[in-house]
């Protein structure tokens, strides 16, 4: 039987894992968007396909 501390620690670790996965997925989307743009795909199509806003794409250098 674990302590309350162990339970809270485990919850924190799991939350951190999930947040890390989300950050990684977001970074992969940005990288893909940049590659698509370099290959001539319009920012409108990239935004529609990735679910990222045009503003967010521009913020990350997809212009």
PDB file of N, CA and C in Angstrom:
ATOM      1  N   UNK A   1       0.840  -1.178   0.000  1.00  0.00           N
ATOM      2  CA  UNK A   1       0.000   0.000   0.000  1.00  0.00           C
ATOM      3  C   UNK A   1       0.888   1.244   0.000  1.00  0.00           C
ATOM      4  N   UNK A   2       0.679   2.134  -0.993  1.00  0.00           N
ATOM      5  CA  UNK A   2       1.491   3.331  -1.121  1.00  0.00           C
ATOM      6  C   UNK A   2       0.968   4.459  -0.260  1.00  0.00           C
ATOM      7  N   UNK A   3       1.802   5.415  -0.086  1.00  0.00           N
ATOM      8  CA  UNK A   3       1.410   6.586   0.689  1.00  0.00           C
ATOM      9  C   UNK A   3       0.728   7.604  -0.220  1.00  0.00           C
ATOM     10  N   UNK A   4       0.131   8.579   0.403  1.00  0.00           N
ATOM     11  CA  UNK A   4      -0.492   9.664  -0.358  1.00  0.00           C
ATOM     12  C   UNK A   4       0.573  10.362  -1.197  1.00  0.00           C
ATOM     13  N   UNK A   5       1.762  10.527  -0.629  1.00  0.00           N
ATOM     14  CA  UNK A   5       2.869  11.145  -1.362  1.00  0.00           C
ATOM     15  C   UNK A   5       3.175  10.359  -2.632  1.00  0.00           C
ATOM     16  N   UNK A   6       3.261   9.036  -2.515  1.00  0.00           N
ATOM     17  CA  UNK A   6       3.549   8.196  -3.684  1.00  0.00           C
ATOM     18  C   UNK A   6       2.472   8.347  -4.746  1.00  0.00           C
ATOM     19  N   UNK A   7       1.231   8.413  -4.306  1.00  0.00           N
ATOM     20  CA  UNK A   7       0.111   8.557  -5.231  1.00  0.00           C
ATOM     21  C   UNK A   7       0.174   9.895  -5.967  1.00  0.00           C
ATOM     22  N   UNK A   8       0.432  10.951  -5.223  1.00  0.00           N
ATOM     23  CA  UNK A   8       0.524  12.281  -5.826  1.00  0.00           C
ATOM     24  C   UNK A   8       1.722  12.351  -6.765  1.00  0.00           C
ATOM     25  N   UNK A   9       2.831  11.770  -6.359  1.00  0.00           N
ATOM     26  CA  UNK A   9       4.026  11.747  -7.197  1.00  0.00           C
ATOM     27  C   UNK A   9       3.751  11.010  -8.501  1.00  0.00           C
ATOM     28  N   UNK A  10       3.104   9.878  -8.412  1.00  0.00           N
ATOM     29  CA  UNK A  10       2.780   9.091  -9.606  1.00  0.00           C
ATOM     30  C   UNK A  10       1.846   9.869 -10.539  1.00  0.00           C
ATOM     31  N   UNK A  11       0.865  10.563  -9.968  1.00  0.00           N
ATOM     32  CA  UNK A  11      -0.034  11.394 -10.781  1.00  0.00           C
ATOM     33  C   UNK A  11       0.743  12.501 -11.490  1.00  0.00           C
ATOM     34  N   UNK A  12       1.678  13.107 -10.788  1.00  0.00           N
ATOM     35  CA  UNK A  12       2.489  14.166 -11.384  1.00  0.00           C
ATOM     36  C   UNK A  12       3.362  13.652 -12.512  1.00  0.00           C
ATOM     37  N   UNK A  13       3.934  12.487 -12.324  1.00  0.00           N
ATOM     38  CA  UNK A  13       4.763  11.885 -13.371  1.00  0.00           C
ATOM     39  C   UNK A  13       3.917  11.582 -14.601  1.00  0.00           C
ATOM     40  N   UNK A  14       2.746  11.025 -14.401  1.00  0.00           N
ATOM     41  CA  UNK A  14       1.861  10.702 -15.528  1.00  0.00           C
ATOM     42  C   UNK A  14       1.414  11.968 -16.256  1.00  0.00           C
ATOM     43  N   UNK A  15       1.096  13.005 -15.503  1.00  0.00           N
ATOM     44  CA  UNK A  15       0.697  14.278 -16.122  1.00  0.00           C
ATOM     45  C   UNK A  15       1.848  14.833 -16.959  1.00  0.00           C
ATOM     46  N   UNK A  16       3.054  14.759 -16.434  1.00  0.00           N
ATOM     47  CA  UNK A  16       4.227  15.230 -17.169  1.00  0.00           C
ATOM     48  C   UNK A  16       4.455  14.446 -18.445  1.00  0.00           C
ATOM     49  N   UNK A  17       4.259  13.136 -18.390  1.00  0.00           N
ATOM     50  CA  UNK A  17       4.390  12.295 -19.586  1.00  0.00           C
ATOM     51  C   UNK A  17       3.403  12.724 -20.664  1.00  0.00           C
ATOM     52  N   UNK A  18       2.155  12.896 -20.251  1.00  0.00           N
ATOM     53  CA  UNK A  18       1.112  13.275 -21.211  1.00  0.00           C
ATOM     54  C   UNK A  18       1.405  14.638 -21.829  1.00  0.00           C
ATOM     55  N   UNK A  19       1.843  15.587 -21.003  1.00  0.00           N
ATOM     56  CA  UNK A  19       2.171  16.919 -21.521  1.00  0.00           C
ATOM     57  C   UNK A  19       3.352  16.841 -22.482  1.00  0.00           C
ATOM     58  N   UNK A  20       4.335  16.016 -22.159  1.00  0.00           N
ATOM     59  CA  UNK A  20       5.491  15.847 -23.031  1.00  0.00           C
ATOM     60  C   UNK A  20       5.108  15.262 -24.376  1.00  0.00           C
ATOM     61  N   UNK A  21       4.198  14.315 -24.362  1.00  0.00           N
ATOM     62  CA  UNK A  21       3.726  13.718 -25.616  1.00  0.00           C
ATOM     63  C   UNK A  21       3.020  14.771 -26.459  1.00  0.00           C
ATOM     64  N   UNK A  22       2.175  15.574 -25.833  1.00  0.00           N
ATOM     65  CA  UNK A  22       1.463  16.630 -26.568  1.00  0.00           C
ATOM     66  C   UNK A  22       2.429  17.645 -27.170  1.00  0.00           C
ATOM     67  N   UNK A  23       3.448  18.018 -26.419  1.00  0.00           N
ATOM     68  CA  UNK A  23       4.443  18.968 -26.932  1.00  0.00           C
ATOM     69  C   UNK A  23       5.161  18.360 -28.132  1.00  0.00           C
ATOM     70  N   UNK A  24       5.531  17.098 -28.029  1.00  0.00           N
ATOM     71  CA  UNK A  24       6.202  16.424 -29.135  1.00  0.00           C
ATOM     72  C   UNK A  24       5.334  16.335 -30.380  1.00  0.00           C
ATOM     73  N   UNK A  25       4.063  16.054 -30.188  1.00  0.00           N
ATOM     74  CA  UNK A  25       3.148  15.990 -31.328  1.00  0.00           C
ATOM     75  C   UNK A  25       3.008  17.359 -31.987  1.00  0.00           C
ATOM     76  N   UNK A  26       2.945  18.395 -31.176  1.00  0.00           N
ATOM     77  CA  UNK A  26       2.825  19.758 -31.704  1.00  0.00           C
ATOM     78  C   UNK A  26       4.078  20.126 -32.492  1.00  0.00           C
ATOM     79  N   UNK A  27       5.239  19.789 -31.961  1.00  0.00           N
ATOM     80  CA  UNK A  27       6.491  20.076 -32.662  1.00  0.00           C
ATOM     81  C   UNK A  27       6.554  19.334 -33.996  1.00  0.00           C
ATOM     82  N   UNK A  28       6.056  18.110 -34.020  1.00  0.00           N
ATOM     83  CA  UNK A  28       6.040  17.337 -35.267  1.00  0.00           C
ATOM     84  C   UNK A  28       5.117  17.988 -36.294  1.00  0.00           C
ATOM     85  N   UNK A  29       3.973  18.503 -35.852  1.00  0.00           N
ATOM     86  CA  UNK A  29       3.064  19.202 -36.762  1.00  0.00           C
ATOM     87  C   UNK A  29       3.723  20.445 -37.355  1.00  0.00           C
ATOM     88  N   UNK A  30       4.410  21.197 -36.518  1.00  0.00           N
ATOM     89  CA  UNK A  30       5.095  22.405 -36.988  1.00  0.00           C
ATOM     90  C   UNK A  30       6.172  22.028 -38.001  1.00  0.00           C
ATOM     91  N   UNK A  31       6.938  20.998 -37.709  1.00  0.00           N
ATOM     92  CA  UNK A  31       7.989  20.560 -38.635  1.00  0.00           C
ATOM     93  C   UNK A  31       7.384  20.136 -39.971  1.00  0.00           C
ATOM     94  N   UNK A  32       6.312  19.378 -39.924  1.00  0.00           N
ATOM     95  CA  UNK A  32       5.639  18.957 -41.158  1.00  0.00           C
ATOM     96  C   UNK A  32       5.107  20.158 -41.923  1.00  0.00           C
ATOM     97  N   UNK A  33       4.538  21.114 -41.207  1.00  0.00           N
ATOM     98  CA  UNK A  33       4.001  22.316 -41.848  1.00  0.00           C
ATOM     99  C   UNK A  33       5.108  23.082 -42.565  1.00  0.00           C
ATOM    100  N   UNK A  34       6.258  23.212 -41.919  1.00  0.00           N
ATOM    101  CA  UNK A  34       7.383  23.915 -42.547  1.00  0.00           C
ATOM    102  C   UNK A  34       7.830  23.198 -43.818  1.00  0.00           C
ATOM    103  N   UNK A  35       7.901  21.875 -43.757  1.00  0.00           N
ATOM    104  CA  UNK A  35       8.306  21.105 -44.937  1.00  0.00           C
ATOM    105  C   UNK A  35       7.284  21.227 -46.061  1.00  0.00           C
ATOM    106  N   UNK A  36       6.015  21.181 -45.720  1.00  0.00           N
ATOM    107  CA  UNK A  36       4.973  21.331 -46.735  1.00  0.00           C
ATOM    108  C   UNK A  36       5.075  22.699 -47.403  1.00  0.00           C
ATOM    109  N   UNK A  37       5.292  23.734 -46.585  1.00  0.00           N
ATOM    110  CA  UNK A  37       5.385  25.085 -47.128  1.00  0.00           C
ATOM    111  C   UNK A  37       6.594  25.217 -48.057  1.00  0.00           C
ATOM    112  N   UNK A  38       7.720  24.632 -47.660  1.00  0.00           N
ATOM    113  CA  UNK A  38       8.921  24.658 -48.504  1.00  0.00           C
ATOM    114  C   UNK A  38       8.680  23.967 -49.840  1.00  0.00           C
ATOM    115  N   UNK A  39       7.757  23.013 -49.851  1.00  0.00           N
ATOM    116  CA  UNK A  39       7.449  22.273 -51.070  1.00  0.00           C
ATOM    117  C   UNK A  39       6.274  22.862 -51.842  1.00  0.00           C
ATOM    118  N   UNK A  40       5.896  24.094 -51.504  1.00  0.00           N
ATOM    119  CA  UNK A  40       4.919  24.815 -52.299  1.00  0.00           C
ATOM    120  C   UNK A  40       3.465  24.687 -51.893  1.00  0.00           C
ATOM    121  N   UNK A  41       3.189  24.045 -50.772  1.00  0.00           N
ATOM    122  CA  UNK A  41       1.802  23.924 -50.319  1.00  0.00           C
ATOM    123  C   UNK A  41       1.401  25.244 -49.660  1.00  0.00           C
ATOM    124  N   UNK A  42       0.210  25.725 -49.967  1.00  0.00           N
ATOM    125  CA  UNK A  42      -0.236  27.018 -49.426  1.00  0.00           C
ATOM    126  C   UNK A  42      -0.493  26.924 -47.925  1.00  0.00           C
ATOM    127  N   UNK A  43      -0.348  28.062 -47.272  1.00  0.00           N
ATOM    128  CA  UNK A  43      -0.574  28.120 -45.831  1.00  0.00           C
ATOM    129  C   UNK A  43      -2.020  27.769 -45.486  1.00  0.00           C
ATOM    130  N   UNK A  44      -2.960  28.089 -46.373  1.00  0.00           N
ATOM    131  CA  UNK A  44      -4.367  27.762 -46.137  1.00  0.00           C
ATOM    132  C   UNK A  44      -4.572  26.244 -46.087  1.00  0.00           C
ATOM    133  N   UNK A  45      -3.958  25.539 -47.028  1.00  0.00           N
ATOM    134  CA  UNK A  45      -4.097  24.075 -47.057  1.00  0.00           C
ATOM    135  C   UNK A  45      -3.385  23.456 -45.860  1.00  0.00           C
ATOM    136  N   UNK A  46      -2.224  23.989 -45.517  1.00  0.00           N
ATOM    137  CA  UNK A  46      -1.488  23.472 -44.358  1.00  0.00           C
ATOM    138  C   UNK A  46      -2.313  23.658 -43.090  1.00  0.00           C
ATOM    139  N   UNK A  47      -2.895  24.841 -42.919  1.00  0.00           N
ATOM    140  CA  UNK A  47      -3.715  25.113 -41.735  1.00  0.00           C
ATOM    141  C   UNK A  47      -4.909  24.165 -41.682  1.00  0.00           C
ATOM    142  N   UNK A  48      -5.555  23.988 -42.806  1.00  0.00           N
ATOM    143  CA  UNK A  48      -6.715  23.105 -42.871  1.00  0.00           C
ATOM    144  C   UNK A  48      -6.332  21.656 -42.578  1.00  0.00           C
ATOM    145  N   UNK A  49      -5.203  21.237 -43.082  1.00  0.00           N
ATOM    146  CA  UNK A  49      -4.780  19.841 -42.939  1.00  0.00           C
ATOM    147  C   UNK A  49      -4.239  19.513 -41.554  1.00  0.00           C
ATOM    148  N   UNK A  50      -3.564  20.477 -40.929  1.00  0.00           N
ATOM    149  CA  UNK A  50      -2.940  20.211 -39.632  1.00  0.00           C
ATOM    150  C   UNK A  50      -3.809  20.591 -38.448  1.00  0.00           C
ATOM    151  N   UNK A  51      -4.785  21.474 -38.694  1.00  0.00           N
ATOM    152  CA  UNK A  51      -5.595  21.968 -37.589  1.00  0.00           C
ATOM    153  C   UNK A  51      -4.948  23.138 -36.862  1.00  0.00           C
ATOM    154  N   UNK A  52      -3.776  23.561 -37.342  1.00  0.00           N
ATOM    155  CA  UNK A  52      -3.111  24.722 -36.761  1.00  0.00           C
ATOM    156  C   UNK A  52      -3.643  25.983 -37.430  1.00  0.00           C
ATOM    157  N   UNK A  53      -3.742  27.057 -36.669  1.00  0.00           N
ATOM    158  CA  UNK A  53      -4.230  28.313 -37.247  1.00  0.00           C
ATOM    159  C   UNK A  53      -3.139  28.950 -38.100  1.00  0.00           C
ATOM    160  N   UNK A  54      -3.562  29.814 -39.013  1.00  0.00           N
ATOM    161  CA  UNK A  54      -2.595  30.540 -39.840  1.00  0.00           C
ATOM    162  C   UNK A  54      -1.677  31.382 -38.960  1.00  0.00           C
ATOM    163  N   UNK A  55      -2.239  31.967 -37.914  1.00  0.00           N
ATOM    164  CA  UNK A  55      -1.450  32.795 -37.006  1.00  0.00           C
ATOM    165  C   UNK A  55      -0.373  31.967 -36.314  1.00  0.00           C
ATOM    166  N   UNK A  56      -0.742  30.769 -35.879  1.00  0.00           N
ATOM    167  CA  UNK A  56       0.237  29.910 -35.214  1.00  0.00           C
ATOM    168  C   UNK A  56       1.320  29.461 -36.186  1.00  0.00           C
ATOM    169  N   UNK A  57       0.926  29.154 -37.404  1.00  0.00           N
ATOM    170  CA  UNK A  57       1.907  28.765 -38.416  1.00  0.00           C
ATOM    171  C   UNK A  57       2.883  29.905 -38.669  1.00  0.00           C
ATOM    172  N   UNK A  58       2.362  31.118 -38.800  1.00  0.00           N
ATOM    173  CA  UNK A  58       3.225  32.280 -39.038  1.00  0.00           C
ATOM    174  C   UNK A  58       4.156  32.519 -37.856  1.00  0.00           C
ATOM    175  N   UNK A  59       3.631  32.309 -36.643  1.00  0.00           N
ATOM    176  CA  UNK A  59       4.432  32.486 -35.433  1.00  0.00           C
ATOM    177  C   UNK A  59       5.644  31.550 -35.432  1.00  0.00           C
ATOM    178  N   UNK A  60       5.493  30.397 -36.060  1.00  0.00           N
ATOM    179  CA  UNK A  60       6.570  29.404 -36.100  1.00  0.00           C
ATOM    180  C   UNK A  60       7.364  29.451 -37.401  1.00  0.00           C
ATOM    181  N   UNK A  61       7.199  30.520 -38.161  1.00  0.00           N
ATOM    182  CA  UNK A  61       8.027  30.717 -39.336  1.00  0.00           C
ATOM    183  C   UNK A  61       7.484  30.180 -40.637  1.00  0.00           C
ATOM    184  N   UNK A  62       6.227  29.745 -40.656  1.00  0.00           N
ATOM    185  CA  UNK A  62       5.603  29.302 -41.904  1.00  0.00           C
ATOM    186  C   UNK A  62       4.887  30.517 -42.470  1.00  0.00           C
ATOM    187  N   UNK A  63       5.541  31.203 -43.427  1.00  0.00           N
ATOM    188  CA  UNK A  63       4.979  32.466 -43.931  1.00  0.00           C
ATOM    189  C   UNK A  63       4.886  32.420 -45.428  1.00  0.00           C
TER     190      UNK A  63
END
